[in-house]
């Protein structure tokens, strides 16, 4: 199993579009287009899981830099999530976030 990051997607790209494109290179297990939690709007990237690593590597090499809906795709192996939950966001140390003693 290989998880693939697909970036620079058009907001009109659907899961069916990605399923169709990637399945030309092998079995696609799952497609997940990432959306904004508040608006539900696509964020311009997705993850595609392919069953066979060799087929996934072929899809990456062929599709990276290719065009879909007028956008040049950025396709590569997804990096694992960092330990400890989500990356980015609010800082709890010096320089940001909510601090009880500085309430106003």
N, C-alpha and C. Protein backbone atom coordinates (compact mmCIF):
# COMPACT_ATOMS: atom_id res chain seq x y z
N UNK A 1 0.84 -1.18 0.00
CA UNK A 1 0.00 0.00 0.00
C UNK A 1 0.89 1.24 0.00
N UNK A 2 0.53 2.21 -0.82
CA UNK A 2 1.28 3.46 -0.88
C UNK A 2 0.32 4.63 -0.89
N UNK A 3 0.60 5.63 -0.05
CA UNK A 3 -0.20 6.84 0.02
C UNK A 3 0.48 7.93 -0.81
N UNK A 4 -0.28 8.55 -1.71
CA UNK A 4 0.26 9.52 -2.66
C UNK A 4 -0.37 10.88 -2.40
N UNK A 5 0.46 11.91 -2.33
CA UNK A 5 0.00 13.29 -2.22
C UNK A 5 -0.20 13.85 -3.63
N UNK A 6 -1.33 14.50 -3.86
CA UNK A 6 -1.61 15.14 -5.14
C UNK A 6 -1.95 16.60 -4.86
N UNK A 7 -1.07 17.49 -5.29
CA UNK A 7 -1.25 18.91 -5.02
C UNK A 7 -1.52 19.73 -6.27
N UNK A 8 -1.91 20.98 -6.05
CA UNK A 8 -2.22 21.95 -7.10
C UNK A 8 -3.46 21.53 -7.90
N UNK A 9 -4.44 20.97 -7.20
CA UNK A 9 -5.67 20.54 -7.85
C UNK A 9 -6.60 21.73 -8.10
N UNK A 10 -7.32 21.65 -9.19
CA UNK A 10 -8.41 22.59 -9.45
C UNK A 10 -9.50 22.32 -8.41
N UNK A 11 -10.20 23.36 -7.98
CA UNK A 11 -11.27 23.18 -7.00
C UNK A 11 -12.44 22.37 -7.58
N UNK A 12 -12.49 22.22 -8.90
CA UNK A 12 -13.55 21.44 -9.54
C UNK A 12 -13.22 19.95 -9.62
N UNK A 13 -12.00 19.56 -9.28
CA UNK A 13 -11.60 18.16 -9.36
C UNK A 13 -12.41 17.32 -8.36
N UNK A 14 -12.92 16.19 -8.84
CA UNK A 14 -13.72 15.30 -7.99
C UNK A 14 -12.93 14.03 -7.65
N UNK A 15 -13.45 13.29 -6.69
CA UNK A 15 -12.84 12.01 -6.34
C UNK A 15 -12.89 11.06 -7.55
N UNK A 16 -13.96 11.14 -8.31
CA UNK A 16 -14.11 10.29 -9.49
C UNK A 16 -13.03 10.64 -10.53
N UNK A 17 -12.72 11.93 -10.68
CA UNK A 17 -11.65 12.34 -11.61
C UNK A 17 -10.33 11.69 -11.22
N UNK A 18 -9.98 11.79 -9.94
CA UNK A 18 -8.70 11.23 -9.48
C UNK A 18 -8.71 9.70 -9.56
N UNK A 19 -9.83 9.09 -9.21
CA UNK A 19 -9.96 7.62 -9.31
C UNK A 19 -9.69 7.19 -10.75
N UNK A 20 -10.28 7.89 -11.70
CA UNK A 20 -10.13 7.56 -13.11
C UNK A 20 -8.69 7.72 -13.59
N UNK A 21 -8.06 8.82 -13.22
CA UNK A 21 -6.69 9.10 -13.66
C UNK A 21 -5.71 8.09 -13.07
N UNK A 22 -5.79 7.85 -11.77
CA UNK A 22 -4.82 6.96 -11.11
C UNK A 22 -5.07 5.49 -11.43
N UNK A 23 -6.31 5.11 -11.65
CA UNK A 23 -6.60 3.69 -11.91
C UNK A 23 -6.05 3.23 -13.26
N UNK A 24 -5.62 4.17 -14.10
CA UNK A 24 -4.96 3.79 -15.36
C UNK A 24 -3.62 3.10 -15.09
N UNK A 25 -3.09 3.30 -13.88
CA UNK A 25 -1.77 2.76 -13.54
C UNK A 25 -1.83 1.62 -12.53
N UNK A 26 -3.03 1.32 -12.00
CA UNK A 26 -3.15 0.22 -11.05
C UNK A 26 -4.38 0.39 -10.16
N UNK A 27 -4.48 -0.51 -9.19
CA UNK A 27 -5.64 -0.52 -8.29
C UNK A 27 -5.57 0.64 -7.30
N UNK A 28 -6.66 1.40 -7.25
CA UNK A 28 -6.78 2.52 -6.31
C UNK A 28 -7.66 2.06 -5.15
N UNK A 29 -7.12 2.16 -3.96
CA UNK A 29 -7.83 1.73 -2.75
C UNK A 29 -8.78 2.82 -2.26
N UNK A 30 -8.29 4.09 -2.26
CA UNK A 30 -9.08 5.17 -1.69
C UNK A 30 -8.60 6.50 -2.24
N UNK A 31 -9.53 7.47 -2.38
CA UNK A 31 -9.22 8.83 -2.79
C UNK A 31 -9.83 9.76 -1.75
N UNK A 32 -9.04 10.70 -1.24
CA UNK A 32 -9.53 11.65 -0.24
C UNK A 32 -9.14 13.06 -0.65
N UNK A 33 -10.11 13.85 -1.12
CA UNK A 33 -9.86 15.26 -1.41
C UNK A 33 -10.04 16.02 -0.10
N UNK A 34 -9.01 16.76 0.30
CA UNK A 34 -9.02 17.48 1.57
C UNK A 34 -9.84 18.76 1.43
N UNK A 35 -10.77 18.96 2.39
CA UNK A 35 -11.63 20.14 2.36
C UNK A 35 -11.46 20.96 3.63
N UNK A 36 -11.80 22.23 3.53
CA UNK A 36 -11.77 23.14 4.68
C UNK A 36 -12.89 22.75 5.64
N UNK A 37 -12.59 22.65 6.93
CA UNK A 37 -13.59 22.24 7.92
C UNK A 37 -14.75 23.21 8.02
N UNK A 38 -14.46 24.49 7.91
CA UNK A 38 -15.50 25.51 8.09
C UNK A 38 -16.39 25.66 6.86
N UNK A 39 -15.81 25.69 5.68
CA UNK A 39 -16.57 26.00 4.47
C UNK A 39 -16.92 24.78 3.63
N UNK A 40 -16.18 23.68 3.81
CA UNK A 40 -16.39 22.50 2.98
C UNK A 40 -15.74 22.62 1.61
N UNK A 41 -15.10 23.77 1.34
CA UNK A 41 -14.43 24.03 0.06
C UNK A 41 -13.16 23.17 -0.04
N UNK A 42 -12.94 22.60 -1.22
CA UNK A 42 -11.71 21.84 -1.44
C UNK A 42 -10.51 22.75 -1.21
N UNK A 43 -9.43 22.19 -0.65
CA UNK A 43 -8.24 22.97 -0.34
C UNK A 43 -7.17 22.87 -1.42
N UNK A 44 -7.44 22.14 -2.49
CA UNK A 44 -6.51 22.08 -3.62
C UNK A 44 -5.51 20.94 -3.56
N UNK A 45 -5.74 19.99 -2.64
CA UNK A 45 -4.87 18.81 -2.62
C UNK A 45 -5.66 17.59 -2.15
N UNK A 46 -5.09 16.42 -2.42
CA UNK A 46 -5.76 15.17 -2.09
C UNK A 46 -4.73 14.09 -1.79
N UNK A 47 -5.23 12.97 -1.28
CA UNK A 47 -4.40 11.79 -1.06
C UNK A 47 -5.05 10.62 -1.78
N UNK A 48 -4.23 9.87 -2.48
CA UNK A 48 -4.68 8.69 -3.21
C UNK A 48 -3.90 7.50 -2.67
N UNK A 49 -4.60 6.46 -2.25
CA UNK A 49 -3.95 5.23 -1.79
C UNK A 49 -4.04 4.20 -2.89
N UNK A 50 -2.87 3.69 -3.27
CA UNK A 50 -2.82 2.64 -4.27
C UNK A 50 -2.33 1.35 -3.62
N UNK A 51 -2.90 0.24 -4.04
CA UNK A 51 -2.62 -1.06 -3.45
C UNK A 51 -1.18 -1.53 -3.68
N UNK A 52 -0.68 -1.39 -4.89
CA UNK A 52 0.62 -1.91 -5.27
C UNK A 52 1.65 -0.78 -5.34
N UNK A 53 2.74 -0.91 -4.61
CA UNK A 53 3.76 0.13 -4.55
C UNK A 53 4.40 0.42 -5.91
N UNK A 54 4.68 -0.61 -6.67
CA UNK A 54 5.30 -0.44 -7.98
C UNK A 54 4.38 0.34 -8.92
N UNK A 55 3.09 0.00 -8.91
CA UNK A 55 2.11 0.73 -9.73
C UNK A 55 1.99 2.18 -9.27
N UNK A 56 2.03 2.40 -7.96
CA UNK A 56 1.96 3.75 -7.42
C UNK A 56 3.15 4.59 -7.85
N UNK A 57 4.34 3.99 -7.82
CA UNK A 57 5.54 4.71 -8.25
C UNK A 57 5.47 5.07 -9.73
N UNK A 58 4.90 4.19 -10.53
CA UNK A 58 4.71 4.49 -11.95
C UNK A 58 3.74 5.66 -12.12
N UNK A 59 2.63 5.62 -11.38
CA UNK A 59 1.65 6.72 -11.44
C UNK A 59 2.29 8.04 -11.04
N UNK A 60 3.10 8.04 -10.00
CA UNK A 60 3.77 9.26 -9.56
C UNK A 60 4.68 9.80 -10.65
N UNK A 61 5.50 8.93 -11.23
CA UNK A 61 6.46 9.40 -12.23
C UNK A 61 5.77 9.91 -13.49
N UNK A 62 4.64 9.32 -13.87
CA UNK A 62 3.93 9.75 -15.07
C UNK A 62 3.08 10.99 -14.81
N UNK A 63 2.41 11.03 -13.66
CA UNK A 63 1.44 12.09 -13.41
C UNK A 63 2.03 13.37 -12.83
N UNK A 64 3.20 13.29 -12.18
CA UNK A 64 3.81 14.50 -11.64
C UNK A 64 4.16 15.44 -12.79
N UNK A 65 3.61 16.65 -12.75
CA UNK A 65 3.85 17.62 -13.81
C UNK A 65 2.84 17.56 -14.94
N UNK A 66 1.92 16.59 -14.88
CA UNK A 66 0.89 16.49 -15.92
C UNK A 66 -0.23 17.49 -15.64
N UNK A 67 -1.12 17.65 -16.61
CA UNK A 67 -2.20 18.63 -16.52
C UNK A 67 -3.53 17.95 -16.22
N UNK A 68 -4.28 18.52 -15.27
CA UNK A 68 -5.64 18.06 -14.98
C UNK A 68 -6.49 19.30 -14.74
N UNK A 69 -7.51 19.49 -15.55
CA UNK A 69 -8.40 20.65 -15.44
C UNK A 69 -7.64 21.97 -15.49
N UNK A 70 -6.61 22.04 -16.34
CA UNK A 70 -5.86 23.27 -16.51
C UNK A 70 -4.84 23.56 -15.43
N UNK A 71 -4.56 22.61 -14.55
CA UNK A 71 -3.57 22.80 -13.47
C UNK A 71 -2.47 21.76 -13.61
N UNK A 72 -1.23 22.15 -13.34
CA UNK A 72 -0.10 21.24 -13.37
C UNK A 72 -0.02 20.53 -12.03
N UNK A 73 -0.18 19.22 -12.04
CA UNK A 73 -0.22 18.44 -10.80
C UNK A 73 1.15 18.29 -10.15
N UNK A 74 1.14 18.31 -8.84
CA UNK A 74 2.32 18.01 -8.02
C UNK A 74 2.00 16.67 -7.36
N UNK A 75 2.67 15.60 -7.80
CA UNK A 75 2.35 14.25 -7.33
C UNK A 75 3.61 13.61 -6.75
N UNK A 76 3.54 13.18 -5.48
CA UNK A 76 4.66 12.48 -4.88
C UNK A 76 4.18 11.62 -3.71
N UNK A 77 5.09 10.80 -3.19
CA UNK A 77 4.72 9.95 -2.07
C UNK A 77 4.41 10.84 -0.87
N UNK A 78 3.29 10.55 -0.21
CA UNK A 78 2.89 11.34 0.97
C UNK A 78 3.84 11.05 2.12
N UNK A 79 4.19 12.10 2.85
CA UNK A 79 5.00 11.93 4.05
C UNK A 79 4.09 11.54 5.20
N UNK A 80 4.56 10.72 6.12
CA UNK A 80 3.73 10.33 7.25
C UNK A 80 3.40 11.54 8.13
N UNK A 81 2.25 11.47 8.81
CA UNK A 81 1.87 12.54 9.74
C UNK A 81 2.89 12.61 10.85
N UNK A 82 3.20 13.83 11.32
CA UNK A 82 4.13 13.93 12.46
C UNK A 82 3.51 13.33 13.72
N UNK A 83 4.35 12.79 14.58
CA UNK A 83 3.88 12.22 15.84
C UNK A 83 3.28 13.33 16.69
N UNK A 84 2.28 12.97 17.51
CA UNK A 84 1.70 13.95 18.42
C UNK A 84 0.55 14.73 17.82
N UNK A 85 -0.02 14.28 16.73
CA UNK A 85 -1.21 14.95 16.20
C UNK A 85 -0.91 15.82 15.01
N UNK A 86 -1.71 16.87 14.88
CA UNK A 86 -1.66 17.74 13.72
C UNK A 86 -0.42 18.62 13.74
N UNK A 87 0.05 18.96 12.57
CA UNK A 87 1.14 19.90 12.44
C UNK A 87 0.59 21.30 12.27
N UNK A 88 1.41 22.30 12.48
CA UNK A 88 0.99 23.69 12.27
C UNK A 88 0.00 24.14 13.32
N UNK A 89 -0.67 25.24 13.06
CA UNK A 89 -1.70 25.71 13.97
C UNK A 89 -1.16 26.66 15.02
N UNK A 90 -1.82 26.71 16.14
CA UNK A 90 -1.49 27.68 17.18
C UNK A 90 -0.32 27.20 18.03
N UNK A 91 0.48 28.17 18.45
CA UNK A 91 1.61 27.88 19.32
C UNK A 91 1.15 27.97 20.77
N UNK A 92 1.62 27.07 21.61
CA UNK A 92 1.28 27.14 23.03
C UNK A 92 2.43 27.71 23.85
N UNK A 93 3.53 27.96 23.20
CA UNK A 93 4.68 28.52 23.90
C UNK A 93 4.69 30.03 23.78
N UNK A 94 5.86 30.61 23.88
CA UNK A 94 5.98 32.06 23.74
C UNK A 94 5.63 32.47 22.32
N UNK A 95 4.86 33.53 22.19
CA UNK A 95 4.60 34.06 20.86
C UNK A 95 3.26 33.72 20.26
N UNK A 96 2.33 33.22 21.04
CA UNK A 96 1.03 33.00 20.43
C UNK A 96 0.13 32.12 21.24
N UNK A 97 -1.11 32.05 20.83
CA UNK A 97 -2.07 31.20 21.51
C UNK A 97 -2.68 31.87 22.72
N UNK A 98 -3.52 31.15 23.40
CA UNK A 98 -4.25 31.64 24.56
C UNK A 98 -3.41 31.45 25.81
N UNK A 99 -3.36 32.46 26.65
CA UNK A 99 -2.60 32.39 27.89
C UNK A 99 -3.49 32.90 29.00
N UNK A 100 -3.82 32.06 29.99
CA UNK A 100 -4.75 32.42 31.06
C UNK A 100 -4.37 33.70 31.77
N UNK A 101 -3.10 33.87 32.10
CA UNK A 101 -2.74 35.04 32.91
C UNK A 101 -2.75 36.34 32.13
N UNK A 102 -2.84 36.29 30.82
CA UNK A 102 -2.89 37.51 30.02
C UNK A 102 -4.30 37.79 29.49
N UNK A 103 -5.33 37.27 30.16
CA UNK A 103 -6.71 37.54 29.74
C UNK A 103 -7.03 39.00 29.94
N UNK A 104 -7.88 39.52 29.08
CA UNK A 104 -8.34 40.88 29.29
C UNK A 104 -9.81 40.96 29.22
